[in-house]
Amino acid sequence: MSDTDSFIEEVTEEVRRDRLFVMLKRYGWIGGLAVVLIVGGAAFSEYNKAKNLAAAQALGDDMIGALSSDEGLTRAEALNEISANTPGGAAVLAMLQAGALADAGQAEEAVARLQAVALNGELPLVYRHIASFKALGLQQDSLSIAERRLQFDALAQPGAPLALLAAEQIALLDIEEGNAEAAIDRLKAIVEDAGVTADLKERATQVIVALGGALDEAVVSEG
């Protein structure tokens, strides 16, 4: 490299440094603001987490206090005095209110509370399916077998949160209609499902045996 080239390169580098210095003086506040925003955002996020946790704990304490009464109507009235700040908290509160109303003999009002949760498209699917399942349980005497089967079928779709529990209810409807063979087949499918819980597997097994059915030895040994 010639002396001329070296000199030009040094001058160019010096110009670059000068420009950088000027840009930092002119726009350096942007970097500082970015740092403030990042740090402030992290602090705000932690504050929100702590605030939400405290609100959830307070809601839980209020619910436990409201459920302390042995009287369903008293529990329902106490639960009605509680407010929830999140959709999930409100859904849980509504389901507890429905349970208290059902215990107090107000099944229609309980079903209405549950159906409001079930039809709320903003809630996660598990909340809606639990509410639907509970509502169906309260309508055994008011809905026909065909109507209950249709709704339990919707809850029993593969991958649904309460699929196996809904399938168990459909098996009970089979029994109610006198179709023991269909009930046994359905209950066997539940027992053999990889996601079945111990309690549900035991219940299904007992019903199969009571209906005169038999399980594979491998399935029995796994139980």
C-alpha atoms as a PDB file:
ATOM      1  CA  MET A   1       0.000   0.000   0.000  1.00  0.00           C
ATOM      2  CA  SER A   2       1.411   3.441  -0.991  1.00  0.00           C
ATOM      3  CA  ASP A   3       1.819   6.296   1.476  1.00  0.00           C
ATOM      4  CA  THR A   4      -0.945   8.122  -0.378  1.00  0.00           C
ATOM      5  CA  ASP A   5      -3.344   5.232   0.037  1.00  0.00           C
ATOM      6  CA  SER A   6      -2.469   4.900   3.701  1.00  0.00           C
ATOM      7  CA  PHE A   7      -3.032   8.581   4.273  1.00  0.00           C
ATOM      8  CA  ILE A   8      -6.385   8.490   2.492  1.00  0.00           C
ATOM      9  CA  GLU A   9      -7.482   5.503   4.603  1.00  0.00           C
ATOM     10  CA  GLU A  10      -6.515   7.227   7.845  1.00  0.00           C
ATOM     11  CA  VAL A  11      -8.392  10.361   6.827  1.00  0.00           C
ATOM     12  CA  THR A  12     -11.437   8.311   5.853  1.00  0.00           C
ATOM     13  CA  GLU A  13     -11.395   6.493   9.189  1.00  0.00           C
ATOM     14  CA  GLU A  14     -11.091   9.796  11.013  1.00  0.00           C
ATOM     15  CA  VAL A  15     -14.067  11.172   9.098  1.00  0.00           C
ATOM     16  CA  ARG A  16     -16.073   8.069  10.029  1.00  0.00           C
ATOM     17  CA  ARG A  17     -15.255   8.549  13.719  1.00  0.00           C
ATOM     18  CA  ASP A  18     -16.211  12.195  13.540  1.00  0.00           C
ATOM     19  CA  ARG A  19     -19.516  11.297  11.882  1.00  0.00           C
ATOM     20  CA  LEU A  20     -20.178   8.620  14.480  1.00  0.00           C
ATOM     21  CA  PHE A  21     -19.449  11.097  17.265  1.00  0.00           C
ATOM     22  CA  VAL A  22     -21.815  13.623  15.724  1.00  0.00           C
ATOM     23  CA  MET A  23     -24.521  10.983  15.271  1.00  0.00           C
ATOM     24  CA  LEU A  24     -24.132   9.849  18.885  1.00  0.00           C
ATOM     25  CA  LYS A  25     -24.451  13.433  20.065  1.00  0.00           C
ATOM     26  CA  ARG A  26     -27.490  13.947  17.868  1.00  0.00           C
ATOM     27  CA  TYR A  27     -29.229  10.588  18.200  1.00  0.00           C
ATOM     28  CA  GLY A  28     -27.682   9.018  21.272  1.00  0.00           C
ATOM     29  CA  TRP A  29     -30.840   9.767  23.238  1.00  0.00           C
ATOM     30  CA  ILE A  30     -32.590   7.085  21.157  1.00  0.00           C
ATOM     31  CA  GLY A  31     -30.313   4.395  22.564  1.00  0.00           C
ATOM     32  CA  GLY A  32     -30.792   5.756  26.072  1.00  0.00           C
ATOM     33  CA  LEU A  33     -34.544   5.791  25.599  1.00  0.00           C
ATOM     34  CA  ALA A  34     -34.448   2.218  24.312  1.00  0.00           C
ATOM     35  CA  VAL A  35     -32.586   1.120  27.440  1.00  0.00           C
ATOM     36  CA  VAL A  36     -35.095   2.945  29.647  1.00  0.00           C
ATOM     37  CA  LEU A  37     -38.013   1.349  27.783  1.00  0.00           C
ATOM     38  CA  ILE A  38     -36.516  -2.139  28.023  1.00  0.00           C
ATOM     39  CA  VAL A  39     -35.764  -1.824  31.741  1.00  0.00           C
ATOM     40  CA  GLY A  40     -39.092  -0.102  32.400  1.00  0.00           C
ATOM     41  CA  GLY A  41     -40.960  -2.744  30.396  1.00  0.00           C
ATOM     42  CA  ALA A  42     -39.354  -5.558  32.367  1.00  0.00           C
ATOM     43  CA  ALA A  43     -40.195  -3.836  35.663  1.00  0.00           C
ATOM     44  CA  PHE A  44     -43.786  -3.231  34.525  1.00  0.00           C
ATOM     45  CA  SER A  45     -44.104  -6.868  33.465  1.00  0.00           C
ATOM     46  CA  GLU A  46     -42.904  -8.061  36.876  1.00  0.00           C
ATOM     47  CA  TYR A  47     -45.275  -5.618  38.569  1.00  0.00           C
ATOM     48  CA  ASN A  48     -48.190  -6.950  36.513  1.00  0.00           C
ATOM     49  CA  LYS A  49     -47.253 -10.532  37.344  1.00  0.00           C
ATOM     50  CA  ALA A  50     -47.145  -9.745  41.044  1.00  0.00           C
ATOM     51  CA  LYS A  51     -50.415  -7.810  40.812  1.00  0.00           C
ATOM     52  CA  ASN A  52     -52.172 -10.641  38.949  1.00  0.00           C
ATOM     53  CA  LEU A  53     -50.853 -13.222  41.403  1.00  0.00           C
ATOM     54  CA  ALA A  54     -52.097 -11.176  44.352  1.00  0.00           C
ATOM     55  CA  ALA A  55     -55.506 -10.757  42.677  1.00  0.00           C
ATOM     56  CA  ALA A  56     -55.745 -14.505  42.012  1.00  0.00           C
ATOM     57  CA  GLN A  57     -54.836 -15.307  45.604  1.00  0.00           C
ATOM     58  CA  ALA A  58     -57.397 -12.817  46.900  1.00  0.00           C
ATOM     59  CA  LEU A  59     -60.069 -14.302  44.630  1.00  0.00           C
ATOM     60  CA  GLY A  60     -59.214 -17.799  45.843  1.00  0.00           C
ATOM     61  CA  ASP A  61     -59.440 -16.708  49.475  1.00  0.00           C
ATOM     62  CA  ASP A  62     -62.820 -15.055  48.825  1.00  0.00           C
ATOM     63  CA  MET A  63     -64.127 -18.193  47.135  1.00  0.00           C
ATOM     64  CA  ILE A  64     -62.978 -20.434  49.973  1.00  0.00           C
ATOM     65  CA  GLY A  65     -64.654 -18.128  52.470  1.00  0.00           C
ATOM     66  CA  ALA A  66     -67.898 -18.126  50.496  1.00  0.00           C
ATOM     67  CA  LEU A  67     -67.908 -21.932  50.266  1.00  0.00           C
ATOM     68  CA  SER A  68     -67.547 -22.411  54.013  1.00  0.00           C
ATOM     69  CA  SER A  69     -71.321 -22.476  54.594  1.00  0.00           C
ATOM     70  CA  ASP A  70     -73.202 -25.775  54.528  1.00  0.00           C
ATOM     71  CA  GLU A  71     -76.270 -24.116  52.996  1.00  0.00           C
ATOM     72  CA  GLY A  72     -76.307 -23.989  49.187  1.00  0.00           C
ATOM     73  CA  LEU A  73     -78.307 -20.761  49.008  1.00  0.00           C
ATOM     74  CA  THR A  74     -76.004 -19.066  51.522  1.00  0.00           C
ATOM     75  CA  ARG A  75     -72.992 -20.130  49.477  1.00  0.00           C
ATOM     76  CA  ALA A  76     -74.614 -18.846  46.293  1.00  0.00           C
ATOM     77  CA  GLU A  77     -75.364 -15.463  47.872  1.00  0.00           C
ATOM     78  CA  ALA A  78     -71.814 -15.183  49.222  1.00  0.00           C
ATOM     79  CA  LEU A  79     -70.343 -16.097  45.832  1.00  0.00           C
ATOM     80  CA  ASN A  80     -72.550 -13.491  44.141  1.00  0.00           C
ATOM     81  CA  GLU A  81     -70.808 -10.826  46.229  1.00  0.00           C
ATOM     82  CA  ILE A  82     -67.434 -11.728  44.718  1.00  0.00           C
ATOM     83  CA  SER A  83     -66.120 -10.173  41.518  1.00  0.00           C
ATOM     84  CA  ALA A  84     -63.367 -11.565  39.294  1.00  0.00           C
ATOM     85  CA  ASN A  85     -61.042  -9.432  37.179  1.00  0.00           C
ATOM     86  CA  THR A  86     -60.140 -12.076  34.596  1.00  0.00           C
ATOM     87  CA  PRO A  87     -62.282 -14.170  32.216  1.00  0.00           C
ATOM     88  CA  GLY A  88     -60.902 -17.391  33.674  1.00  0.00           C
ATOM     89  CA  GLY A  89     -61.599 -16.280  37.244  1.00  0.00           C
ATOM     90  CA  ALA A  90     -65.113 -15.230  36.272  1.00  0.00           C
ATOM     91  CA  ALA A  91     -65.712 -18.626  34.641  1.00  0.00           C
ATOM     92  CA  VAL A  92     -64.595 -20.526  37.742  1.00  0.00           C
ATOM     93  CA  LEU A  93     -66.719 -18.244  39.915  1.00  0.00           C
ATOM     94  CA  ALA A  94     -69.779 -18.837  37.707  1.00  0.00           C
ATOM     95  CA  MET A  95     -69.318 -22.600  37.923  1.00  0.00           C
ATOM     96  CA  LEU A  96     -69.053 -22.441  41.713  1.00  0.00           C
ATOM     97  CA  GLN A  97     -72.188 -20.292  41.810  1.00  0.00           C
ATOM     98  CA  ALA A  98     -73.956 -22.857  39.652  1.00  0.00           C
ATOM     99  CA  GLY A  99     -72.952 -25.652  42.003  1.00  0.00           C
ATOM    100  CA  ALA A 100     -74.261 -23.745  45.012  1.00  0.00           C
ATOM    101  CA  LEU A 101     -77.527 -22.945  43.225  1.00  0.00           C
ATOM    102  CA  ALA A 102     -77.958 -26.596  42.249  1.00  0.00           C
ATOM    103  CA  ASP A 103     -77.463 -27.619  45.888  1.00  0.00           C
ATOM    104  CA  ALA A 104     -80.123 -25.067  46.827  1.00  0.00           C
ATOM    105  CA  GLY A 105     -82.595 -26.649  44.410  1.00  0.00           C
ATOM    106  CA  GLN A 106     -82.337 -23.923  41.775  1.00  0.00           C
ATOM    107  CA  ALA A 107     -81.274 -26.165  38.910  1.00  0.00           C
ATOM    108  CA  GLU A 108     -82.585 -23.950  36.110  1.00  0.00           C
ATOM    109  CA  GLU A 109     -80.602 -20.942  37.305  1.00  0.00           C
ATOM    110  CA  ALA A 110     -77.544 -23.164  37.763  1.00  0.00           C
ATOM    111  CA  VAL A 111     -77.839 -24.443  34.195  1.00  0.00           C
ATOM    112  CA  ALA A 112     -78.181 -20.873  32.914  1.00  0.00           C
ATOM    113  CA  ARG A 113     -74.930 -19.867  34.655  1.00  0.00           C
ATOM    114  CA  LEU A 114     -73.134 -22.882  33.233  1.00  0.00           C
ATOM    115  CA  GLN A 115     -74.435 -22.370  29.718  1.00  0.00           C
ATOM    116  CA  ALA A 116     -73.272 -18.746  29.792  1.00  0.00           C
ATOM    117  CA  VAL A 117     -69.751 -20.043  30.423  1.00  0.00           C
ATOM    118  CA  ALA A 118     -70.094 -22.805  27.813  1.00  0.00           C
ATOM    119  CA  LEU A 119     -71.108 -20.324  25.116  1.00  0.00           C
ATOM    120  CA  ASN A 120     -68.371 -17.783  25.862  1.00  0.00           C
ATOM    121  CA  GLY A 121     -66.074 -18.098  22.860  1.00  0.00           C
ATOM    122  CA  GLU A 122     -63.378 -15.974  24.535  1.00  0.00           C
ATOM    123  CA  LEU A 123     -62.706 -18.654  27.152  1.00  0.00           C
ATOM    124  CA  PRO A 124     -60.312 -21.585  26.691  1.00  0.00           C
ATOM    125  CA  LEU A 125     -62.015 -24.756  25.477  1.00  0.00           C
ATOM    126  CA  VAL A 126     -61.489 -26.606  28.753  1.00  0.00           C
ATOM    127  CA  TYR A 127     -63.597 -24.071  30.701  1.00  0.00           C
ATOM    128  CA  ARG A 128     -66.413 -24.253  28.165  1.00  0.00           C
ATOM    129  CA  HIS A 129     -66.429 -28.054  28.066  1.00  0.00           C
ATOM    130  CA  ILE A 130     -66.434 -28.360  31.865  1.00  0.00           C
ATOM    131  CA  ALA A 131     -69.397 -25.996  32.029  1.00  0.00           C
ATOM    132  CA  SER A 132     -71.247 -27.952  29.317  1.00  0.00           C
ATOM    133  CA  PHE A 133     -70.532 -31.235  31.073  1.00  0.00           C
ATOM    134  CA  LYS A 134     -71.834 -29.913  34.399  1.00  0.00           C
ATOM    135  CA  ALA A 135     -74.921 -28.424  32.751  1.00  0.00           C
ATOM    136  CA  LEU A 136     -75.759 -31.751  31.136  1.00  0.00           C
ATOM    137  CA  GLY A 137     -75.411 -33.456  34.488  1.00  0.00           C
ATOM    138  CA  LEU A 138     -78.092 -31.138  35.871  1.00  0.00           C
ATOM    139  CA  GLN A 139     -80.456 -31.824  32.970  1.00  0.00           C
ATOM    140  CA  GLN A 140     -80.836 -35.579  33.224  1.00  0.00           C
ATOM    141  CA  ASP A 141     -84.537 -35.247  33.920  1.00  0.00           C
ATOM    142  CA  SER A 142     -85.269 -32.381  31.540  1.00  0.00           C
ATOM    143  CA  LEU A 143     -83.450 -33.531  28.384  1.00  0.00           C
ATOM    144  CA  SER A 144     -84.180 -36.650  26.384  1.00  0.00           C
ATOM    145  CA  ILE A 145     -81.561 -39.349  25.927  1.00  0.00           C
ATOM    146  CA  ALA A 146     -81.178 -38.306  22.294  1.00  0.00           C
ATOM    147  CA  GLU A 147     -80.530 -34.684  23.257  1.00  0.00           C
ATOM    148  CA  ARG A 148     -78.013 -35.625  25.943  1.00  0.00           C
ATOM    149  CA  ARG A 149     -76.271 -38.069  23.598  1.00  0.00           C
ATOM    150  CA  LEU A 150     -75.929 -35.377  20.943  1.00  0.00           C
ATOM    151  CA  GLN A 151     -74.314 -32.961  23.369  1.00  0.00           C
ATOM    152  CA  PHE A 152     -72.068 -35.569  25.007  1.00  0.00           C
ATOM    153  CA  ASP A 153     -70.956 -36.645  21.517  1.00  0.00           C
ATOM    154  CA  ALA A 154     -69.699 -33.101  20.937  1.00  0.00           C
ATOM    155  CA  LEU A 155     -67.677 -33.299  24.172  1.00  0.00           C
ATOM    156  CA  ALA A 156     -66.334 -36.772  23.342  1.00  0.00           C
ATOM    157  CA  GLN A 157     -64.524 -35.807  20.133  1.00  0.00           C
ATOM    158  CA  PRO A 158     -60.881 -37.020  19.993  1.00  0.00           C
ATOM    159  CA  GLY A 159     -58.557 -34.535  21.636  1.00  0.00           C
ATOM    160  CA  ALA A 160     -61.334 -32.753  23.548  1.00  0.00           C
ATOM    161  CA  PRO A 161     -60.486 -31.974  27.211  1.00  0.00           C
ATOM    162  CA  LEU A 162     -63.239 -34.207  28.656  1.00  0.00           C
ATOM    163  CA  ALA A 163     -63.442 -36.747  25.840  1.00  0.00           C
ATOM    164  CA  LEU A 164     -63.162 -39.861  28.027  1.00  0.00           C
ATOM    165  CA  LEU A 165     -65.536 -38.582  30.702  1.00  0.00           C
ATOM    166  CA  ALA A 166     -68.073 -37.730  27.999  1.00  0.00           C
ATOM    167  CA  ALA A 167     -67.618 -41.202  26.482  1.00  0.00           C
ATOM    168  CA  GLU A 168     -68.364 -42.706  29.899  1.00  0.00           C
ATOM    169  CA  GLN A 169     -71.620 -40.749  30.029  1.00  0.00           C
ATOM    170  CA  ILE A 170     -72.560 -41.967  26.552  1.00  0.00           C
ATOM    171  CA  ALA A 171     -71.959 -45.549  27.728  1.00  0.00           C
ATOM    172  CA  LEU A 172     -74.346 -44.898  30.604  1.00  0.00           C
ATOM    173  CA  LEU A 173     -76.897 -43.655  28.077  1.00  0.00           C
ATOM    174  CA  ASP A 174     -76.404 -46.920  26.159  1.00  0.00           C
ATOM    175  CA  ILE A 175     -77.224 -48.786  29.361  1.00  0.00           C
ATOM    176  CA  GLU A 176     -80.239 -46.557  29.949  1.00  0.00           C
ATOM    177  CA  GLU A 177     -81.496 -47.559  26.489  1.00  0.00           C
ATOM    178  CA  GLY A 178     -80.863 -51.242  27.201  1.00  0.00           C
ATOM    179  CA  ASN A 179     -77.911 -51.554  24.819  1.00  0.00           C
ATOM    180  CA  ALA A 180     -75.408 -53.302  27.091  1.00  0.00           C
ATOM    181  CA  GLU A 181     -73.217 -54.493  24.213  1.00  0.00           C
ATOM    182  CA  ALA A 182     -72.629 -50.957  22.938  1.00  0.00           C
ATOM    183  CA  ALA A 183     -71.897 -49.800  26.481  1.00  0.00           C
ATOM    184  CA  ILE A 184     -69.326 -52.563  27.017  1.00  0.00           C
ATOM    185  CA  ASP A 185     -67.551 -51.761  23.743  1.00  0.00           C
ATOM    186  CA  ARG A 186     -67.427 -48.081  24.608  1.00  0.00           C
ATOM    187  CA  LEU A 187     -66.180 -48.718  28.133  1.00  0.00           C
ATOM    188  CA  LYS A 188     -63.487 -51.095  26.853  1.00  0.00           C
ATOM    189  CA  ALA A 189     -62.243 -48.341  24.559  1.00  0.00           C
ATOM    190  CA  ILE A 190     -62.028 -46.044  27.584  1.00  0.00           C
ATOM    191  CA  VAL A 191     -60.114 -48.599  29.650  1.00  0.00           C
ATOM    192  CA  GLU A 192     -57.633 -49.176  26.819  1.00  0.00           C
ATOM    193  CA  ASP A 193     -57.064 -45.471  26.139  1.00  0.00           C
ATOM    194  CA  ALA A 194     -53.564 -44.272  27.029  1.00  0.00           C
ATOM    195  CA  GLY A 195     -54.922 -41.113  28.642  1.00  0.00           C
ATOM    196  CA  VAL A 196     -57.410 -42.749  31.007  1.00  0.00           C
ATOM    197  CA  THR A 197     -57.078 -41.877  34.693  1.00  0.00           C
ATOM    198  CA  ALA A 198     -56.934 -44.570  37.371  1.00  0.00           C
ATOM    199  CA  ASP A 199     -60.338 -43.619  38.799  1.00  0.00           C
ATOM    200  CA  LEU A 200     -62.084 -43.613  35.428  1.00  0.00           C
ATOM    201  CA  LYS A 201     -60.437 -46.902  34.447  1.00  0.00           C
ATOM    202  CA  GLU A 202     -61.636 -48.506  37.684  1.00  0.00           C
ATOM    203  CA  ARG A 203     -65.194 -47.240  37.219  1.00  0.00           C
ATOM    204  CA  ALA A 204     -65.341 -48.395  33.610  1.00  0.00           C
ATOM    205  CA  THR A 205     -63.936 -51.809  34.540  1.00  0.00           C
ATOM    206  CA  GLN A 206     -66.509 -52.290  37.297  1.00  0.00           C
ATOM    207  CA  VAL A 207     -69.382 -51.441  34.942  1.00  0.00           C
ATOM    208  CA  ILE A 208     -68.041 -53.805  32.266  1.00  0.00           C
ATOM    209  CA  VAL A 209     -67.930 -56.656  34.778  1.00  0.00           C
ATOM    210  CA  ALA A 210     -71.390 -55.754  36.118  1.00  0.00           C
ATOM    211  CA  LEU A 211     -72.745 -55.950  32.574  1.00  0.00           C
ATOM    212  CA  GLY A 212     -71.250 -59.411  32.103  1.00  0.00           C
ATOM    213  CA  GLY A 213     -68.387 -58.277  29.896  1.00  0.00           C
ATOM    214  CA  ALA A 214     -64.767 -59.392  30.095  1.00  0.00           C
ATOM    215  CA  LEU A 215     -61.474 -57.551  29.721  1.00  0.00           C
ATOM    216  CA  ASP A 216     -58.302 -58.726  28.049  1.00  0.00           C
ATOM    217  CA  GLU A 217     -55.793 -60.172  30.538  1.00  0.00           C
ATOM    218  CA  ALA A 218     -53.210 -57.610  29.478  1.00  0.00           C
ATOM    219  CA  VAL A 219     -55.554 -54.742  30.266  1.00  0.00           C
ATOM    220  CA  VAL A 220     -56.469 -56.263  33.642  1.00  0.00           C
ATOM    221  CA  SER A 221     -52.808 -56.753  34.567  1.00  0.00           C
ATOM    222  CA  GLU A 222     -52.022 -53.153  33.679  1.00  0.00           C
ATOM    223  CA  GLY A 223     -54.765 -52.011  36.040  1.00  0.00           C
END
